[in-house]
Amino acid sequence: MRRGELYRVFKPHSRETKRHRIFVIVSRQVLIASKFSTVICAPIYSAYHGLSTQVPLGIEDGMKQECCVHCDELISLPKSNLTQFISSLRPIKLRLLDRALASALEIQVENLATE
């Protein structure tokens, strides 16, 4: 299990209207590798509004259609629920994810230079 991996999760919480949702792991790798039973994830939705807190994904990212990561909706999920691996984000998408997370958390990060 690594940061940037996408997993299909069935009924991640009681408020979920769909049978399953895809999430990307955003926790630091040291936490993922630790004995903690949960990791922080961001959901993936089909709606894309062009917000700085969203990362667009497509077929080239292992998705069936155009969609995006929503970093404004972080959630802690049990590692045991992350069993259906979809794909891993490419390095460019990981950098975009870093920027989107920094924006969502209002963190000024100097080393997240624009491409």
N, C-alpha and C. Protein backbone atom coordinates (compact mmCIF):
# COMPACT_ATOMS: atom_id res chain seq x y z
N MET A 1 0.85 -1.17 0.00
CA MET A 1 0.00 0.00 0.00
C MET A 1 0.90 1.24 0.00
N ARG A 2 0.60 2.17 -0.95
CA ARG A 2 1.45 3.35 -1.08
C ARG A 2 0.60 4.61 -1.30
N ARG A 3 1.20 5.74 -0.98
CA ARG A 3 0.55 7.03 -1.22
C ARG A 3 0.33 7.19 -2.73
N GLY A 4 -0.85 7.66 -3.10
CA GLY A 4 -1.16 7.84 -4.51
C GLY A 4 -1.85 6.65 -5.16
N GLU A 5 -2.06 5.58 -4.43
CA GLU A 5 -2.77 4.43 -4.98
C GLU A 5 -4.28 4.66 -4.88
N LEU A 6 -4.98 4.16 -5.90
CA LEU A 6 -6.43 4.29 -5.96
C LEU A 6 -7.07 2.94 -5.65
N TYR A 7 -8.10 2.96 -4.80
CA TYR A 7 -8.81 1.75 -4.40
C TYR A 7 -10.32 1.96 -4.50
N ARG A 8 -11.02 0.93 -4.91
CA ARG A 8 -12.48 0.92 -4.87
C ARG A 8 -12.88 0.42 -3.48
N VAL A 9 -13.73 1.20 -2.82
CA VAL A 9 -14.18 0.86 -1.47
C VAL A 9 -15.70 0.72 -1.49
N PHE A 10 -16.21 -0.40 -1.00
CA PHE A 10 -17.65 -0.63 -0.94
C PHE A 10 -18.23 0.01 0.31
N LYS A 11 -19.26 0.83 0.10
CA LYS A 11 -19.97 1.53 1.18
C LYS A 11 -19.01 2.07 2.23
N PRO A 12 -18.18 3.07 1.87
CA PRO A 12 -17.17 3.59 2.79
C PRO A 12 -17.74 4.19 4.07
N HIS A 13 -18.98 4.68 4.03
CA HIS A 13 -19.63 5.19 5.24
C HIS A 13 -21.14 5.17 5.01
N SER A 14 -21.91 5.33 6.08
CA SER A 14 -23.36 5.17 6.01
C SER A 14 -24.05 6.22 5.15
N ARG A 15 -23.44 7.39 4.98
CA ARG A 15 -24.06 8.45 4.17
C ARG A 15 -23.82 8.28 2.68
N GLU A 16 -22.99 7.35 2.30
CA GLU A 16 -22.66 7.13 0.89
C GLU A 16 -23.88 6.63 0.14
N THR A 17 -24.19 7.27 -0.98
CA THR A 17 -25.35 6.90 -1.77
C THR A 17 -25.05 5.81 -2.80
N LYS A 18 -23.78 5.65 -3.16
CA LYS A 18 -23.40 4.65 -4.14
C LYS A 18 -22.95 3.37 -3.44
N ARG A 19 -22.98 2.27 -4.20
CA ARG A 19 -22.51 0.98 -3.65
C ARG A 19 -21.03 1.01 -3.35
N HIS A 20 -20.29 1.75 -4.15
CA HIS A 20 -18.84 1.85 -3.94
C HIS A 20 -18.35 3.20 -4.41
N ARG A 21 -17.17 3.58 -3.96
CA ARG A 21 -16.54 4.84 -4.36
C ARG A 21 -15.05 4.55 -4.47
N ILE A 22 -14.37 5.25 -5.37
CA ILE A 22 -12.93 5.11 -5.51
C ILE A 22 -12.27 6.22 -4.69
N PHE A 23 -11.21 5.86 -3.97
CA PHE A 23 -10.45 6.79 -3.14
C PHE A 23 -8.97 6.70 -3.50
N VAL A 24 -8.28 7.81 -3.28
CA VAL A 24 -6.83 7.83 -3.43
C VAL A 24 -6.22 8.04 -2.04
N ILE A 25 -5.18 7.28 -1.74
CA ILE A 25 -4.50 7.42 -0.45
C ILE A 25 -3.65 8.69 -0.48
N VAL A 26 -3.82 9.56 0.53
CA VAL A 26 -3.05 10.81 0.59
C VAL A 26 -2.17 10.88 1.83
N SER A 27 -2.26 9.92 2.73
CA SER A 27 -1.41 9.91 3.93
C SER A 27 0.06 9.82 3.55
N ARG A 28 0.91 10.28 4.48
CA ARG A 28 2.36 10.14 4.29
C ARG A 28 2.73 8.66 4.30
N GLN A 29 3.76 8.31 3.53
CA GLN A 29 4.15 6.90 3.43
C GLN A 29 4.54 6.31 4.77
N VAL A 30 5.18 7.10 5.63
CA VAL A 30 5.59 6.58 6.94
C VAL A 30 4.37 6.17 7.77
N LEU A 31 3.26 6.89 7.65
CA LEU A 31 2.03 6.52 8.36
C LEU A 31 1.42 5.27 7.74
N ILE A 32 1.42 5.21 6.42
CA ILE A 32 0.85 4.05 5.73
C ILE A 32 1.58 2.77 6.15
N ALA A 33 2.89 2.86 6.28
CA ALA A 33 3.71 1.70 6.64
C ALA A 33 3.67 1.38 8.13
N SER A 34 3.07 2.25 8.94
CA SER A 34 3.06 2.06 10.38
C SER A 34 1.96 1.08 10.82
N LYS A 35 1.82 0.93 12.12
CA LYS A 35 0.81 0.04 12.68
C LYS A 35 -0.57 0.69 12.79
N PHE A 36 -0.66 1.98 12.43
CA PHE A 36 -1.97 2.62 12.44
C PHE A 36 -2.92 1.82 11.55
N SER A 37 -4.16 1.69 11.96
CA SER A 37 -5.12 0.88 11.21
C SER A 37 -5.85 1.67 10.13
N THR A 38 -5.68 3.00 10.11
CA THR A 38 -6.37 3.82 9.12
C THR A 38 -5.39 4.69 8.33
N VAL A 39 -5.85 5.15 7.18
CA VAL A 39 -5.09 6.10 6.36
C VAL A 39 -6.06 7.20 5.90
N ILE A 40 -5.51 8.36 5.57
CA ILE A 40 -6.31 9.46 5.06
C ILE A 40 -6.43 9.30 3.55
N CYS A 41 -7.65 9.43 3.05
CA CYS A 41 -7.93 9.27 1.63
C CYS A 41 -8.79 10.42 1.14
N ALA A 42 -8.75 10.64 -0.16
CA ALA A 42 -9.61 11.63 -0.81
C ALA A 42 -10.51 10.89 -1.81
N PRO A 43 -11.79 11.24 -1.83
CA PRO A 43 -12.72 10.57 -2.75
C PRO A 43 -12.55 11.06 -4.19
N ILE A 44 -13.00 10.24 -5.11
CA ILE A 44 -12.99 10.58 -6.52
C ILE A 44 -14.44 10.63 -7.00
N TYR A 45 -14.79 11.75 -7.62
CA TYR A 45 -16.14 11.98 -8.13
C TYR A 45 -16.07 12.28 -9.63
N SER A 46 -17.20 12.12 -10.31
CA SER A 46 -17.25 12.43 -11.73
C SER A 46 -17.33 13.94 -11.97
N ALA A 47 -17.83 14.70 -11.01
CA ALA A 47 -17.97 16.16 -11.16
C ALA A 47 -16.62 16.85 -11.00
N TYR A 48 -16.31 17.72 -11.97
CA TYR A 48 -15.09 18.52 -11.91
C TYR A 48 -15.47 19.97 -12.11
N HIS A 49 -15.10 20.82 -11.14
CA HIS A 49 -15.47 22.23 -11.18
C HIS A 49 -14.27 23.14 -11.43
N GLY A 50 -13.11 22.58 -11.65
CA GLY A 50 -11.92 23.38 -11.91
C GLY A 50 -11.35 24.06 -10.67
N LEU A 51 -11.70 23.58 -9.49
CA LEU A 51 -11.20 24.15 -8.24
C LEU A 51 -9.74 23.78 -8.02
N SER A 52 -9.02 24.63 -7.29
CA SER A 52 -7.61 24.35 -6.99
C SER A 52 -7.46 23.14 -6.07
N THR A 53 -8.54 22.69 -5.47
CA THR A 53 -8.51 21.54 -4.56
C THR A 53 -8.91 20.24 -5.26
N GLN A 54 -9.04 20.30 -6.58
CA GLN A 54 -9.42 19.13 -7.36
C GLN A 54 -8.30 18.73 -8.31
N VAL A 55 -8.17 17.43 -8.55
CA VAL A 55 -7.17 16.91 -9.48
C VAL A 55 -7.90 16.07 -10.53
N PRO A 56 -7.90 16.52 -11.78
CA PRO A 56 -8.59 15.76 -12.82
C PRO A 56 -7.87 14.44 -13.13
N LEU A 57 -8.66 13.40 -13.35
CA LEU A 57 -8.15 12.08 -13.73
C LEU A 57 -8.90 11.61 -14.96
N GLY A 58 -8.28 10.71 -15.69
CA GLY A 58 -8.92 10.18 -16.89
C GLY A 58 -8.56 8.73 -17.13
N ILE A 59 -8.82 8.28 -18.33
CA ILE A 59 -8.56 6.90 -18.71
C ILE A 59 -7.08 6.56 -18.56
N GLU A 60 -6.21 7.52 -18.87
CA GLU A 60 -4.76 7.30 -18.75
C GLU A 60 -4.33 7.09 -17.30
N ASP A 61 -5.22 7.41 -16.36
CA ASP A 61 -4.94 7.22 -14.93
C ASP A 61 -5.59 5.95 -14.38
N GLY A 62 -6.17 5.14 -15.25
CA GLY A 62 -6.79 3.89 -14.83
C GLY A 62 -8.27 4.01 -14.52
N MET A 63 -8.86 5.16 -14.85
CA MET A 63 -10.28 5.37 -14.59
C MET A 63 -11.09 4.99 -15.84
N LYS A 64 -12.38 4.71 -15.65
CA LYS A 64 -13.25 4.36 -16.77
C LYS A 64 -13.73 5.59 -17.53
N GLN A 65 -13.70 6.74 -16.86
CA GLN A 65 -14.18 7.99 -17.46
C GLN A 65 -13.46 9.16 -16.82
N GLU A 66 -13.68 10.35 -17.36
CA GLU A 66 -13.11 11.56 -16.78
C GLU A 66 -13.73 11.77 -15.39
N CYS A 67 -12.90 12.11 -14.41
CA CYS A 67 -13.35 12.32 -13.04
C CYS A 67 -12.29 13.15 -12.32
N CYS A 68 -12.43 13.32 -11.02
CA CYS A 68 -11.39 14.06 -10.31
C CYS A 68 -11.38 13.74 -8.83
N VAL A 69 -10.20 13.94 -8.25
CA VAL A 69 -9.99 13.80 -6.81
C VAL A 69 -10.50 15.08 -6.16
N HIS A 70 -11.24 14.94 -5.08
CA HIS A 70 -11.76 16.09 -4.33
C HIS A 70 -11.03 16.16 -2.99
N CYS A 71 -10.05 17.05 -2.89
CA CYS A 71 -9.23 17.14 -1.68
C CYS A 71 -9.91 17.92 -0.55
N ASP A 72 -11.08 18.48 -0.81
CA ASP A 72 -11.84 19.15 0.25
C ASP A 72 -12.66 18.17 1.08
N GLU A 73 -12.63 16.89 0.73
CA GLU A 73 -13.46 15.90 1.40
C GLU A 73 -12.64 14.73 1.94
N LEU A 74 -11.54 15.02 2.60
CA LEU A 74 -10.67 13.97 3.13
C LEU A 74 -11.42 13.13 4.16
N ILE A 75 -11.06 11.84 4.20
CA ILE A 75 -11.71 10.91 5.11
C ILE A 75 -10.68 9.89 5.58
N SER A 76 -10.83 9.44 6.81
CA SER A 76 -9.98 8.38 7.34
C SER A 76 -10.67 7.04 7.09
N LEU A 77 -9.96 6.14 6.41
CA LEU A 77 -10.52 4.82 6.11
C LEU A 77 -9.65 3.72 6.69
N PRO A 78 -10.26 2.65 7.17
CA PRO A 78 -9.48 1.50 7.63
C PRO A 78 -8.67 0.90 6.48
N LYS A 79 -7.43 0.58 6.75
CA LYS A 79 -6.59 -0.06 5.73
C LYS A 79 -7.24 -1.35 5.23
N SER A 80 -7.95 -2.03 6.12
CA SER A 80 -8.58 -3.30 5.76
C SER A 80 -9.67 -3.14 4.71
N ASN A 81 -10.18 -1.91 4.51
CA ASN A 81 -11.19 -1.66 3.47
C ASN A 81 -10.57 -1.41 2.10
N LEU A 82 -9.26 -1.21 2.06
CA LEU A 82 -8.58 -0.90 0.81
C LEU A 82 -8.01 -2.19 0.21
N THR A 83 -8.89 -2.94 -0.42
CA THR A 83 -8.49 -4.24 -0.97
C THR A 83 -8.59 -4.31 -2.48
N GLN A 84 -9.42 -3.46 -3.09
CA GLN A 84 -9.61 -3.51 -4.54
C GLN A 84 -8.78 -2.42 -5.22
N PHE A 85 -7.53 -2.76 -5.49
CA PHE A 85 -6.59 -1.84 -6.12
C PHE A 85 -7.04 -1.52 -7.55
N ILE A 86 -6.99 -0.22 -7.90
CA ILE A 86 -7.35 0.22 -9.25
C ILE A 86 -6.09 0.57 -10.04
N SER A 87 -5.31 1.52 -9.53
CA SER A 87 -4.08 1.96 -10.19
C SER A 87 -3.31 2.88 -9.25
N SER A 88 -2.18 3.37 -9.72
CA SER A 88 -1.38 4.34 -8.97
C SER A 88 -1.29 5.62 -9.78
N LEU A 89 -1.30 6.75 -9.09
CA LEU A 89 -1.15 8.03 -9.77
C LEU A 89 0.24 8.16 -10.36
N ARG A 90 0.32 8.74 -11.54
CA ARG A 90 1.60 9.03 -12.17
C ARG A 90 2.27 10.18 -11.41
N PRO A 91 3.59 10.34 -11.53
CA PRO A 91 4.30 11.41 -10.81
C PRO A 91 3.71 12.80 -11.02
N ILE A 92 3.29 13.13 -12.23
CA ILE A 92 2.71 14.45 -12.49
C ILE A 92 1.41 14.62 -11.70
N LYS A 93 0.62 13.57 -11.61
CA LYS A 93 -0.64 13.65 -10.86
C LYS A 93 -0.38 13.71 -9.36
N LEU A 94 0.69 13.07 -8.89
CA LEU A 94 1.06 13.17 -7.47
C LEU A 94 1.43 14.61 -7.12
N ARG A 95 2.15 15.29 -8.02
CA ARG A 95 2.49 16.69 -7.78
C ARG A 95 1.24 17.56 -7.76
N LEU A 96 0.30 17.28 -8.67
CA LEU A 96 -0.96 18.01 -8.67
C LEU A 96 -1.75 17.73 -7.39
N LEU A 97 -1.69 16.49 -6.92
CA LEU A 97 -2.36 16.13 -5.67
C LEU A 97 -1.75 16.91 -4.50
N ASP A 98 -0.43 17.01 -4.47
CA ASP A 98 0.25 17.78 -3.41
C ASP A 98 -0.24 19.23 -3.41
N ARG A 99 -0.34 19.82 -4.59
CA ARG A 99 -0.81 21.21 -4.69
C ARG A 99 -2.26 21.34 -4.24
N ALA A 100 -3.10 20.40 -4.65
CA ALA A 100 -4.51 20.44 -4.29
C ALA A 100 -4.69 20.28 -2.78
N LEU A 101 -3.90 19.40 -2.17
CA LEU A 101 -3.97 19.23 -0.71
C LEU A 101 -3.50 20.49 0.00
N ALA A 102 -2.43 21.09 -0.49
CA ALA A 102 -1.93 22.34 0.11
C ALA A 102 -2.99 23.43 0.01
N SER A 103 -3.68 23.49 -1.10
CA SER A 103 -4.75 24.47 -1.28
C SER A 103 -5.92 24.18 -0.34
N ALA A 104 -6.31 22.92 -0.24
CA ALA A 104 -7.44 22.54 0.62
C ALA A 104 -7.16 22.85 2.08
N LEU A 105 -5.90 22.72 2.48
CA LEU A 105 -5.52 22.94 3.88
C LEU A 105 -4.94 24.34 4.11
N GLU A 106 -4.94 25.15 3.04
CA GLU A 106 -4.40 26.51 3.08
C GLU A 106 -2.97 26.54 3.63
N ILE A 107 -2.14 25.68 3.04
CA ILE A 107 -0.73 25.59 3.43
C ILE A 107 0.10 26.20 2.31
N GLN A 108 1.00 27.12 2.67
CA GLN A 108 1.91 27.70 1.70
C GLN A 108 3.14 26.80 1.62
N VAL A 109 3.37 26.20 0.47
CA VAL A 109 4.49 25.28 0.28
C VAL A 109 5.37 25.82 -0.84
N GLU A 110 6.60 26.14 -0.50
CA GLU A 110 7.52 26.74 -1.46
C GLU A 110 7.98 25.76 -2.54
N ASN A 111 8.15 24.50 -2.21
CA ASN A 111 8.72 23.55 -3.16
C ASN A 111 7.68 22.96 -4.12
N LEU A 112 6.47 23.46 -4.12
CA LEU A 112 5.46 22.97 -5.06
C LEU A 112 5.39 23.91 -6.26
N ALA A 113 6.53 24.06 -6.91
CA ALA A 113 6.66 24.99 -8.04
C ALA A 113 5.75 24.59 -9.18
N THR A 114 5.33 25.57 -9.93
CA THR A 114 4.47 25.34 -11.09
C THR A 114 5.29 24.69 -12.18
N GLU A 115 4.66 23.75 -12.88
CA GLU A 115 5.31 23.03 -13.99
C GLU A 115 5.44 23.95 -15.17
